[in-house]
Amino acid sequence: MLYIPESLPPPNSSDFVHQLPFASPGEPIVAARIDAIRSRDHNPFMDYQVPSAIISLKQGLGKLIRKGSNRGIQYEVKSPGDCC
């Protein structure tokens, strides 16, 4: 995973995301899952990689909010040269 959040401690917790947490398609397990999804004529990016990235982002946000009294912000930073 490319997702390695940088967190600030409470009371002003923040989580900075430098890259979206997509699994590397070069990893053997990820490549096998992508191939299996393609073999069923599905889109591996939308059916596997995007949902996995969303779960990782939620887990990162969960690091910030552990109690009802906690508050936090998750920043998703995009470099000016990055494309959509």
N, C-alpha and C. Protein backbone atom coordinates (compact mmCIF):
# COMPACT_ATOMS: atom_id res chain seq x y z
N MET A 1 0.83 -1.18 0.00
CA MET A 1 0.00 0.00 0.00
C MET A 1 0.88 1.25 0.00
N LEU A 2 0.41 2.25 -0.68
CA LEU A 2 1.13 3.52 -0.74
C LEU A 2 0.72 4.45 0.39
N TYR A 3 -0.29 4.06 1.16
CA TYR A 3 -0.87 4.94 2.17
C TYR A 3 -0.12 4.84 3.47
N ILE A 4 0.62 5.88 3.79
CA ILE A 4 1.30 5.96 5.08
C ILE A 4 0.94 7.32 5.65
N PRO A 5 -0.08 7.38 6.52
CA PRO A 5 -0.50 8.67 7.04
C PRO A 5 0.50 9.25 8.01
N GLU A 6 0.55 10.54 8.06
CA GLU A 6 1.33 11.24 9.07
C GLU A 6 0.33 11.88 10.00
N SER A 7 0.37 11.53 11.28
CA SER A 7 -0.63 12.00 12.23
C SER A 7 -0.01 12.92 13.26
N LEU A 8 -0.81 13.88 13.69
CA LEU A 8 -0.45 14.76 14.78
C LEU A 8 -1.19 14.30 16.03
N PRO A 9 -0.59 14.42 17.21
CA PRO A 9 -1.24 13.93 18.43
C PRO A 9 -2.41 14.83 18.85
N PRO A 10 -3.33 14.29 19.69
CA PRO A 10 -4.43 15.09 20.22
C PRO A 10 -3.86 16.26 21.03
N PRO A 11 -4.55 17.34 21.22
CA PRO A 11 -5.98 17.52 20.94
C PRO A 11 -6.26 17.97 19.51
N ASN A 12 -5.25 18.33 18.75
CA ASN A 12 -5.46 18.80 17.39
C ASN A 12 -5.01 17.75 16.39
N SER A 13 -5.70 16.63 16.37
CA SER A 13 -5.31 15.52 15.51
C SER A 13 -5.58 15.84 14.05
N SER A 14 -4.62 15.49 13.22
CA SER A 14 -4.78 15.61 11.77
C SER A 14 -4.10 14.42 11.13
N ASP A 15 -4.58 14.05 9.98
CA ASP A 15 -4.03 12.92 9.25
C ASP A 15 -3.80 13.40 7.82
N PHE A 16 -2.56 13.41 7.37
CA PHE A 16 -2.23 13.90 6.04
C PHE A 16 -2.02 12.71 5.11
N VAL A 17 -2.73 12.69 4.00
CA VAL A 17 -2.62 11.62 3.02
C VAL A 17 -1.87 12.17 1.81
N HIS A 18 -0.69 11.61 1.54
CA HIS A 18 0.13 12.08 0.42
C HIS A 18 -0.22 11.39 -0.88
N GLN A 19 -0.66 10.16 -0.81
CA GLN A 19 -1.09 9.41 -1.98
C GLN A 19 -2.27 8.55 -1.57
N LEU A 20 -3.19 8.36 -2.50
CA LEU A 20 -4.31 7.48 -2.19
C LEU A 20 -3.79 6.06 -2.01
N PRO A 21 -4.41 5.31 -1.11
CA PRO A 21 -3.88 3.99 -0.73
C PRO A 21 -4.26 2.86 -1.69
N PHE A 22 -3.83 2.97 -2.93
CA PHE A 22 -4.08 1.89 -3.88
C PHE A 22 -2.98 0.83 -3.75
N ALA A 23 -3.40 -0.42 -3.73
CA ALA A 23 -2.44 -1.52 -3.69
C ALA A 23 -1.68 -1.58 -5.01
N SER A 24 -0.43 -1.95 -4.95
CA SER A 24 0.40 -2.02 -6.15
C SER A 24 -0.02 -3.21 -7.01
N PRO A 25 -0.37 -2.97 -8.29
CA PRO A 25 -0.76 -4.09 -9.15
C PRO A 25 0.40 -5.03 -9.46
N GLY A 26 1.62 -4.63 -9.09
CA GLY A 26 2.77 -5.49 -9.30
C GLY A 26 2.94 -6.55 -8.21
N GLU A 27 2.23 -6.41 -7.10
CA GLU A 27 2.30 -7.41 -6.04
C GLU A 27 1.55 -8.67 -6.49
N PRO A 28 2.12 -9.84 -6.27
CA PRO A 28 1.52 -11.08 -6.80
C PRO A 28 0.07 -11.32 -6.39
N ILE A 29 -0.28 -11.08 -5.14
CA ILE A 29 -1.66 -11.32 -4.69
C ILE A 29 -2.61 -10.34 -5.36
N VAL A 30 -2.21 -9.09 -5.43
CA VAL A 30 -3.05 -8.07 -6.07
C VAL A 30 -3.20 -8.38 -7.55
N ALA A 31 -2.11 -8.75 -8.21
CA ALA A 31 -2.16 -9.09 -9.63
C ALA A 31 -3.09 -10.27 -9.88
N ALA A 32 -3.06 -11.28 -9.01
CA ALA A 32 -3.94 -12.44 -9.16
C ALA A 32 -5.40 -12.05 -8.99
N ARG A 33 -5.69 -11.17 -8.03
CA ARG A 33 -7.07 -10.71 -7.84
C ARG A 33 -7.55 -9.91 -9.05
N ILE A 34 -6.68 -9.06 -9.57
CA ILE A 34 -7.03 -8.27 -10.76
C ILE A 34 -7.31 -9.18 -11.94
N ASP A 35 -6.46 -10.19 -12.14
CA ASP A 35 -6.67 -11.13 -13.25
C ASP A 35 -7.98 -11.90 -13.08
N ALA A 36 -8.30 -12.30 -11.86
CA ALA A 36 -9.55 -13.04 -11.61
C ALA A 36 -10.76 -12.16 -11.91
N ILE A 37 -10.69 -10.90 -11.54
CA ILE A 37 -11.80 -9.98 -11.79
C ILE A 37 -11.94 -9.73 -13.29
N ARG A 38 -10.82 -9.54 -13.98
CA ARG A 38 -10.87 -9.35 -15.44
C ARG A 38 -11.43 -10.58 -16.15
N SER A 39 -11.12 -11.77 -15.65
CA SER A 39 -11.61 -13.00 -16.29
C SER A 39 -13.13 -13.11 -16.21
N ARG A 40 -13.74 -12.40 -15.26
CA ARG A 40 -15.20 -12.37 -15.15
C ARG A 40 -15.79 -11.16 -15.88
N ASP A 41 -14.96 -10.51 -16.71
CA ASP A 41 -15.38 -9.32 -17.48
C ASP A 41 -15.86 -8.17 -16.59
N HIS A 42 -15.16 -7.98 -15.48
CA HIS A 42 -15.44 -6.86 -14.58
C HIS A 42 -14.27 -5.90 -14.61
N ASN A 43 -14.47 -4.72 -14.05
CA ASN A 43 -13.44 -3.69 -14.00
C ASN A 43 -12.70 -3.81 -12.66
N PRO A 44 -11.44 -4.26 -12.65
CA PRO A 44 -10.74 -4.45 -11.38
C PRO A 44 -10.47 -3.15 -10.63
N PHE A 45 -10.35 -2.05 -11.36
CA PHE A 45 -10.10 -0.78 -10.68
C PHE A 45 -11.33 -0.38 -9.86
N MET A 46 -12.49 -0.41 -10.47
CA MET A 46 -13.71 0.01 -9.79
C MET A 46 -14.25 -1.06 -8.83
N ASP A 47 -14.05 -2.32 -9.16
CA ASP A 47 -14.61 -3.40 -8.36
C ASP A 47 -13.72 -3.85 -7.21
N TYR A 48 -12.41 -3.56 -7.29
CA TYR A 48 -11.49 -4.05 -6.26
C TYR A 48 -10.61 -2.93 -5.70
N GLN A 49 -9.92 -2.21 -6.57
CA GLN A 49 -8.93 -1.26 -6.08
C GLN A 49 -9.55 -0.03 -5.40
N VAL A 50 -10.61 0.54 -5.98
CA VAL A 50 -11.26 1.69 -5.35
C VAL A 50 -11.88 1.31 -4.00
N PRO A 51 -12.67 0.23 -3.91
CA PRO A 51 -13.22 -0.13 -2.60
C PRO A 51 -12.13 -0.40 -1.54
N SER A 52 -11.04 -1.02 -1.95
CA SER A 52 -9.94 -1.27 -1.00
C SER A 52 -9.31 0.03 -0.52
N ALA A 53 -9.15 0.98 -1.44
CA ALA A 53 -8.57 2.27 -1.07
C ALA A 53 -9.49 3.03 -0.12
N ILE A 54 -10.80 2.94 -0.35
CA ILE A 54 -11.76 3.62 0.53
C ILE A 54 -11.70 3.03 1.93
N ILE A 55 -11.58 1.71 2.04
CA ILE A 55 -11.47 1.08 3.36
C ILE A 55 -10.21 1.56 4.08
N SER A 56 -9.10 1.66 3.36
CA SER A 56 -7.85 2.13 3.97
C SER A 56 -7.97 3.58 4.44
N LEU A 57 -8.65 4.42 3.66
CA LEU A 57 -8.85 5.81 4.08
C LEU A 57 -9.71 5.87 5.34
N LYS A 58 -10.75 5.05 5.40
CA LYS A 58 -11.60 5.02 6.59
C LYS A 58 -10.81 4.55 7.81
N GLN A 59 -9.93 3.58 7.62
CA GLN A 59 -9.11 3.10 8.73
C GLN A 59 -8.16 4.21 9.21
N GLY A 60 -7.63 4.99 8.27
CA GLY A 60 -6.77 6.10 8.64
C GLY A 60 -7.53 7.13 9.45
N LEU A 61 -8.76 7.40 9.05
CA LEU A 61 -9.59 8.35 9.80
C LEU A 61 -9.94 7.78 11.17
N GLY A 62 -10.13 6.47 11.24
CA GLY A 62 -10.42 5.82 12.52
C GLY A 62 -9.29 5.97 13.53
N LYS A 63 -8.06 6.15 13.04
CA LYS A 63 -6.93 6.40 13.95
C LYS A 63 -7.10 7.72 14.68
N LEU A 64 -7.78 8.67 14.04
CA LEU A 64 -7.95 9.98 14.65
C LEU A 64 -9.07 10.00 15.68
N ILE A 65 -10.15 9.33 15.38
CA ILE A 65 -11.35 9.39 16.22
C ILE A 65 -11.46 8.08 17.01
N ARG A 66 -11.03 8.11 18.25
CA ARG A 66 -11.07 6.90 19.08
C ARG A 66 -12.12 6.99 20.18
N LYS A 67 -12.45 8.21 20.58
CA LYS A 67 -13.47 8.43 21.61
C LYS A 67 -14.43 9.49 21.10
N GLY A 68 -15.59 9.57 21.73
CA GLY A 68 -16.57 10.58 21.34
C GLY A 68 -16.08 12.00 21.51
N SER A 69 -15.11 12.20 22.39
CA SER A 69 -14.59 13.55 22.63
C SER A 69 -13.47 13.93 21.67
N ASN A 70 -12.96 12.98 20.88
CA ASN A 70 -11.89 13.27 19.93
C ASN A 70 -12.44 13.98 18.70
N ARG A 71 -11.60 14.83 18.13
CA ARG A 71 -11.92 15.48 16.87
C ARG A 71 -10.71 15.34 15.98
N GLY A 72 -10.93 15.32 14.68
CA GLY A 72 -9.79 15.19 13.78
C GLY A 72 -10.15 15.62 12.37
N ILE A 73 -9.13 15.86 11.59
CA ILE A 73 -9.29 16.24 10.19
C ILE A 73 -8.37 15.35 9.37
N GLN A 74 -8.87 14.86 8.25
CA GLN A 74 -8.04 14.08 7.34
C GLN A 74 -7.85 14.92 6.09
N TYR A 75 -6.60 15.25 5.79
CA TYR A 75 -6.27 16.02 4.60
C TYR A 75 -5.81 15.08 3.51
N GLU A 76 -6.29 15.29 2.32
CA GLU A 76 -5.83 14.51 1.17
C GLU A 76 -5.12 15.48 0.26
N VAL A 77 -3.81 15.36 0.21
CA VAL A 77 -2.96 16.32 -0.47
C VAL A 77 -2.67 15.83 -1.89
N LYS A 78 -2.86 16.72 -2.84
CA LYS A 78 -2.58 16.38 -4.25
C LYS A 78 -1.55 17.36 -4.77
N SER A 79 -0.51 16.84 -5.37
CA SER A 79 0.52 17.70 -5.96
C SER A 79 -0.02 18.41 -7.18
N PRO A 80 0.42 19.65 -7.44
CA PRO A 80 -0.09 20.40 -8.58
C PRO A 80 0.12 19.68 -9.91
N GLY A 81 1.17 18.88 -10.05
CA GLY A 81 1.44 18.20 -11.30
C GLY A 81 0.67 16.92 -11.50
N ASP A 82 -0.02 16.43 -10.46
CA ASP A 82 -0.78 15.18 -10.56
C ASP A 82 -2.01 15.38 -11.44
N CYS A 83 -2.29 14.36 -12.20
CA CYS A 83 -3.50 14.40 -13.03
C CYS A 83 -4.66 13.80 -12.25
N CYS A 84 -5.83 13.94 -12.74
CA CYS A 84 -7.06 13.42 -12.12
C CYS A 84 -6.83 12.01 -11.77
